[in-house]
Amino acid sequence: MINGQNGYQHLEFYEGRAIPRIRGTAIDVGTLMIQYRAWDYKRLEDLAADRDLPVDAVREAYDWYTKNNDVVTAMCSEERRRLGVKE
Protein backbone atom coordinates (compact mmCIF):
# COMPACT_ATOMS: atom_id res chain seq x y z
CA MET A 1 0.00 0.00 0.00
CA ILE A 2 1.18 3.50 -0.80
CA ASN A 3 -0.30 6.08 1.60
CA GLY A 4 -0.87 9.79 1.11
CA GLN A 5 -0.37 9.78 -2.65
CA ASN A 6 -1.13 13.21 -4.09
CA GLY A 7 -2.23 14.52 -0.69
CA TYR A 8 -5.36 12.38 -0.37
CA GLN A 9 -6.05 11.49 3.25
CA HIS A 10 -9.05 9.18 2.71
CA LEU A 11 -7.83 7.20 -0.30
CA GLU A 12 -5.56 4.17 -0.26
CA PHE A 13 -3.32 3.51 -3.24
CA TYR A 14 -1.99 0.01 -3.87
CA GLU A 15 0.81 -1.13 -6.13
CA GLY A 16 -0.61 -2.93 -9.12
CA ARG A 17 -4.04 -1.26 -8.80
CA ALA A 18 -4.93 1.67 -10.99
CA ILE A 19 -7.88 2.79 -8.89
CA PRO A 20 -7.60 3.67 -5.18
CA ARG A 21 -10.00 2.56 -2.45
CA ILE A 22 -11.66 4.51 0.32
CA ARG A 23 -9.35 4.00 3.31
CA GLY A 24 -10.55 1.23 5.63
CA THR A 25 -13.12 -0.14 3.18
CA ALA A 26 -13.28 -2.43 0.17
CA ILE A 27 -14.97 0.34 -1.86
CA ASP A 28 -12.91 1.56 -4.79
CA VAL A 29 -13.34 5.02 -6.26
CA GLY A 30 -14.58 3.66 -9.58
CA THR A 31 -17.41 1.69 -7.97
CA LEU A 32 -18.40 4.62 -5.78
CA MET A 33 -18.52 7.05 -8.71
CA ILE A 34 -20.45 4.60 -10.89
CA GLN A 35 -23.04 4.41 -8.09
CA TYR A 36 -23.07 8.19 -7.80
CA ARG A 37 -23.87 8.56 -11.48
CA ALA A 38 -26.08 5.49 -11.97
CA TRP A 39 -28.26 6.18 -8.94
CA ASP A 40 -28.57 9.84 -9.97
CA TYR A 41 -27.36 11.39 -6.75
CA LYS A 42 -27.52 15.18 -6.77
CA ARG A 43 -25.15 15.67 -3.83
CA LEU A 44 -22.02 13.89 -2.67
CA GLU A 45 -23.26 14.25 0.89
CA ASP A 46 -26.26 12.03 0.11
CA LEU A 47 -24.03 9.31 -1.32
CA ALA A 48 -21.77 9.53 1.74
CA ALA A 49 -24.76 9.15 4.06
CA ASP A 50 -26.20 6.19 2.13
CA ARG A 51 -22.84 4.39 2.07
CA ASP A 52 -22.00 5.36 5.68
CA LEU A 53 -18.79 7.08 4.56
CA PRO A 54 -17.21 10.34 5.68
CA VAL A 55 -18.24 13.18 3.39
CA ASP A 56 -14.59 14.21 3.01
CA ALA A 57 -13.75 10.71 1.77
CA VAL A 58 -16.45 10.89 -0.89
CA ARG A 59 -15.30 14.38 -1.89
CA GLU A 60 -11.74 13.10 -2.30
CA ALA A 61 -13.01 10.15 -4.33
CA TYR A 62 -14.93 12.54 -6.58
CA ASP A 63 -11.86 14.77 -6.95
CA TRP A 64 -9.64 11.82 -7.88
CA TYR A 65 -12.27 10.50 -10.31
CA THR A 66 -12.69 13.83 -12.12
CA LYS A 67 -8.92 14.01 -12.60
CA ASN A 68 -8.57 10.33 -13.60
CA ASN A 69 -11.89 9.26 -15.12
CA ASP A 70 -10.05 7.96 -18.18
CA VAL A 71 -8.50 5.29 -15.93
CA VAL A 72 -11.92 4.23 -14.63
CA THR A 73 -13.41 4.26 -18.14
CA ALA A 74 -10.58 2.09 -19.48
CA MET A 75 -10.97 -0.41 -16.64
CA CYS A 76 -14.75 -0.59 -17.15
CA SER A 77 -14.26 -1.16 -20.88
CA GLU A 78 -11.75 -3.92 -20.19
CA GLU A 79 -14.13 -5.57 -17.72
CA ARG A 80 -17.00 -5.43 -20.25
CA ARG A 81 -14.70 -6.92 -22.90
CA ARG A 82 -13.58 -9.65 -20.52
CA LEU A 83 -17.21 -10.51 -19.72
CA GLY A 84 -18.23 -10.43 -23.38
CA VAL A 85 -20.62 -7.49 -23.01
CA LYS A 86 -21.22 -5.68 -26.28
CA GLU A 87 -20.93 -1.92 -26.19
C-alpha atoms as a PDB file:
ATOM      1  CA  MET A   1       0.000   0.000   0.000  1.00  0.00           C
ATOM      2  CA  ILE A   2       1.182   3.499  -0.802  1.00  0.00           C
ATOM      3  CA  ASN A   3      -0.300   6.079   1.600  1.00  0.00           C
ATOM      4  CA  GLY A   4      -0.866   9.790   1.110  1.00  0.00           C
ATOM      5  CA  GLN A   5      -0.369   9.782  -2.651  1.00  0.00           C
ATOM      6  CA  ASN A   6      -1.130  13.208  -4.086  1.00  0.00           C
ATOM      7  CA  GLY A   7      -2.228  14.519  -0.694  1.00  0.00           C
ATOM      8  CA  TYR A   8      -5.361  12.376  -0.371  1.00  0.00           C
ATOM      9  CA  GLN A   9      -6.053  11.488   3.246  1.00  0.00           C
ATOM     10  CA  HIS A  10      -9.046   9.176   2.714  1.00  0.00           C
ATOM     11  CA  LEU A  11      -7.831   7.202  -0.302  1.00  0.00           C
ATOM     12  CA  GLU A  12      -5.555   4.168  -0.258  1.00  0.00           C
ATOM     13  CA  PHE A  13      -3.320   3.513  -3.238  1.00  0.00           C
ATOM     14  CA  TYR A  14      -1.993   0.014  -3.872  1.00  0.00           C
ATOM     15  CA  GLU A  15       0.811  -1.127  -6.127  1.00  0.00           C
ATOM     16  CA  GLY A  16      -0.614  -2.935  -9.117  1.00  0.00           C
ATOM     17  CA  ARG A  17      -4.037  -1.263  -8.802  1.00  0.00           C
ATOM     18  CA  ALA A  18      -4.929   1.668 -10.995  1.00  0.00           C
ATOM     19  CA  ILE A  19      -7.880   2.793  -8.890  1.00  0.00           C
ATOM     20  CA  PRO A  20      -7.601   3.668  -5.181  1.00  0.00           C
ATOM     21  CA  ARG A  21     -10.000   2.562  -2.450  1.00  0.00           C
ATOM     22  CA  ILE A  22     -11.658   4.506   0.319  1.00  0.00           C
ATOM     23  CA  ARG A  23      -9.354   4.000   3.310  1.00  0.00           C
ATOM     24  CA  GLY A  24     -10.547   1.232   5.629  1.00  0.00           C
ATOM     25  CA  THR A  25     -13.122  -0.139   3.178  1.00  0.00           C
ATOM     26  CA  ALA A  26     -13.277  -2.430   0.173  1.00  0.00           C
ATOM     27  CA  ILE A  27     -14.966   0.335  -1.857  1.00  0.00           C
ATOM     28  CA  ASP A  28     -12.913   1.560  -4.788  1.00  0.00           C
ATOM     29  CA  VAL A  29     -13.340   5.021  -6.255  1.00  0.00           C
ATOM     30  CA  GLY A  30     -14.584   3.660  -9.580  1.00  0.00           C
ATOM     31  CA  THR A  31     -17.406   1.690  -7.967  1.00  0.00           C
ATOM     32  CA  LEU A  32     -18.395   4.620  -5.784  1.00  0.00           C
ATOM     33  CA  MET A  33     -18.522   7.053  -8.708  1.00  0.00           C
ATOM     34  CA  ILE A  34     -20.454   4.599 -10.886  1.00  0.00           C
ATOM     35  CA  GLN A  35     -23.038   4.408  -8.092  1.00  0.00           C
ATOM     36  CA  TYR A  36     -23.071   8.193  -7.798  1.00  0.00           C
ATOM     37  CA  ARG A  37     -23.874   8.555 -11.481  1.00  0.00           C
ATOM     38  CA  ALA A  38     -26.081   5.487 -11.970  1.00  0.00           C
ATOM     39  CA  TRP A  39     -28.256   6.182  -8.945  1.00  0.00           C
ATOM     40  CA  ASP A  40     -28.571   9.838  -9.972  1.00  0.00           C
ATOM     41  CA  TYR A  41     -27.362  11.393  -6.747  1.00  0.00           C
ATOM     42  CA  LYS A  42     -27.519  15.176  -6.768  1.00  0.00           C
ATOM     43  CA  ARG A  43     -25.148  15.675  -3.829  1.00  0.00           C
ATOM     44  CA  LEU A  44     -22.016  13.891  -2.674  1.00  0.00           C
ATOM     45  CA  GLU A  45     -23.264  14.252   0.893  1.00  0.00           C
ATOM     46  CA  ASP A  46     -26.265  12.029   0.115  1.00  0.00           C
ATOM     47  CA  LEU A  47     -24.032   9.306  -1.319  1.00  0.00           C
ATOM     48  CA  ALA A  48     -21.768   9.525   1.737  1.00  0.00           C
ATOM     49  CA  ALA A  49     -24.764   9.152   4.064  1.00  0.00           C
ATOM     50  CA  ASP A  50     -26.205   6.195   2.125  1.00  0.00           C
ATOM     51  CA  ARG A  51     -22.839   4.392   2.070  1.00  0.00           C
ATOM     52  CA  ASP A  52     -21.998   5.363   5.679  1.00  0.00           C
ATOM     53  CA  LEU A  53     -18.787   7.078   4.562  1.00  0.00           C
ATOM     54  CA  PRO A  54     -17.208  10.336   5.679  1.00  0.00           C
ATOM     55  CA  VAL A  55     -18.238  13.182   3.388  1.00  0.00           C
ATOM     56  CA  ASP A  56     -14.592  14.208   3.010  1.00  0.00           C
ATOM     57  CA  ALA A  57     -13.747  10.705   1.767  1.00  0.00           C
ATOM     58  CA  VAL A  58     -16.452  10.892  -0.890  1.00  0.00           C
ATOM     59  CA  ARG A  59     -15.303  14.377  -1.894  1.00  0.00           C
ATOM     60  CA  GLU A  60     -11.736  13.100  -2.297  1.00  0.00           C
ATOM     61  CA  ALA A  61     -13.007  10.154  -4.335  1.00  0.00           C
ATOM     62  CA  TYR A  62     -14.927  12.543  -6.583  1.00  0.00           C
ATOM     63  CA  ASP A  63     -11.863  14.767  -6.955  1.00  0.00           C
ATOM     64  CA  TRP A  64      -9.638  11.824  -7.881  1.00  0.00           C
ATOM     65  CA  TYR A  65     -12.268  10.501 -10.307  1.00  0.00           C
ATOM     66  CA  THR A  66     -12.689  13.830 -12.115  1.00  0.00           C
ATOM     67  CA  LYS A  67      -8.921  14.012 -12.602  1.00  0.00           C
ATOM     68  CA  ASN A  68      -8.566  10.332 -13.603  1.00  0.00           C
ATOM     69  CA  ASN A  69     -11.887   9.257 -15.116  1.00  0.00           C
ATOM     70  CA  ASP A  70     -10.047   7.960 -18.176  1.00  0.00           C
ATOM     71  CA  VAL A  71      -8.498   5.289 -15.928  1.00  0.00           C
ATOM     72  CA  VAL A  72     -11.921   4.230 -14.632  1.00  0.00           C
ATOM     73  CA  THR A  73     -13.406   4.261 -18.142  1.00  0.00           C
ATOM     74  CA  ALA A  74     -10.581   2.085 -19.481  1.00  0.00           C
ATOM     75  CA  MET A  75     -10.973  -0.411 -16.643  1.00  0.00           C
ATOM     76  CA  CYS A  76     -14.752  -0.589 -17.150  1.00  0.00           C
ATOM     77  CA  SER A  77     -14.261  -1.157 -20.884  1.00  0.00           C
ATOM     78  CA  GLU A  78     -11.747  -3.918 -20.190  1.00  0.00           C
ATOM     79  CA  GLU A  79     -14.130  -5.566 -17.721  1.00  0.00           C
ATOM     80  CA  ARG A  80     -16.998  -5.435 -20.254  1.00  0.00           C
ATOM     81  CA  ARG A  81     -14.696  -6.916 -22.904  1.00  0.00           C
ATOM     82  CA  ARG A  82     -13.583  -9.654 -20.517  1.00  0.00           C
ATOM     83  CA  LEU A  83     -17.211 -10.507 -19.719  1.00  0.00           C
ATOM     84  CA  GLY A  84     -18.227 -10.427 -23.377  1.00  0.00           C
ATOM     85  CA  VAL A  85     -20.615  -7.491 -23.006  1.00  0.00           C
ATOM     86  CA  LYS A  86     -21.221  -5.684 -26.283  1.00  0.00           C
ATOM     87  CA  GLU A  87     -20.927  -1.919 -26.186  1.00  0.00           C
END
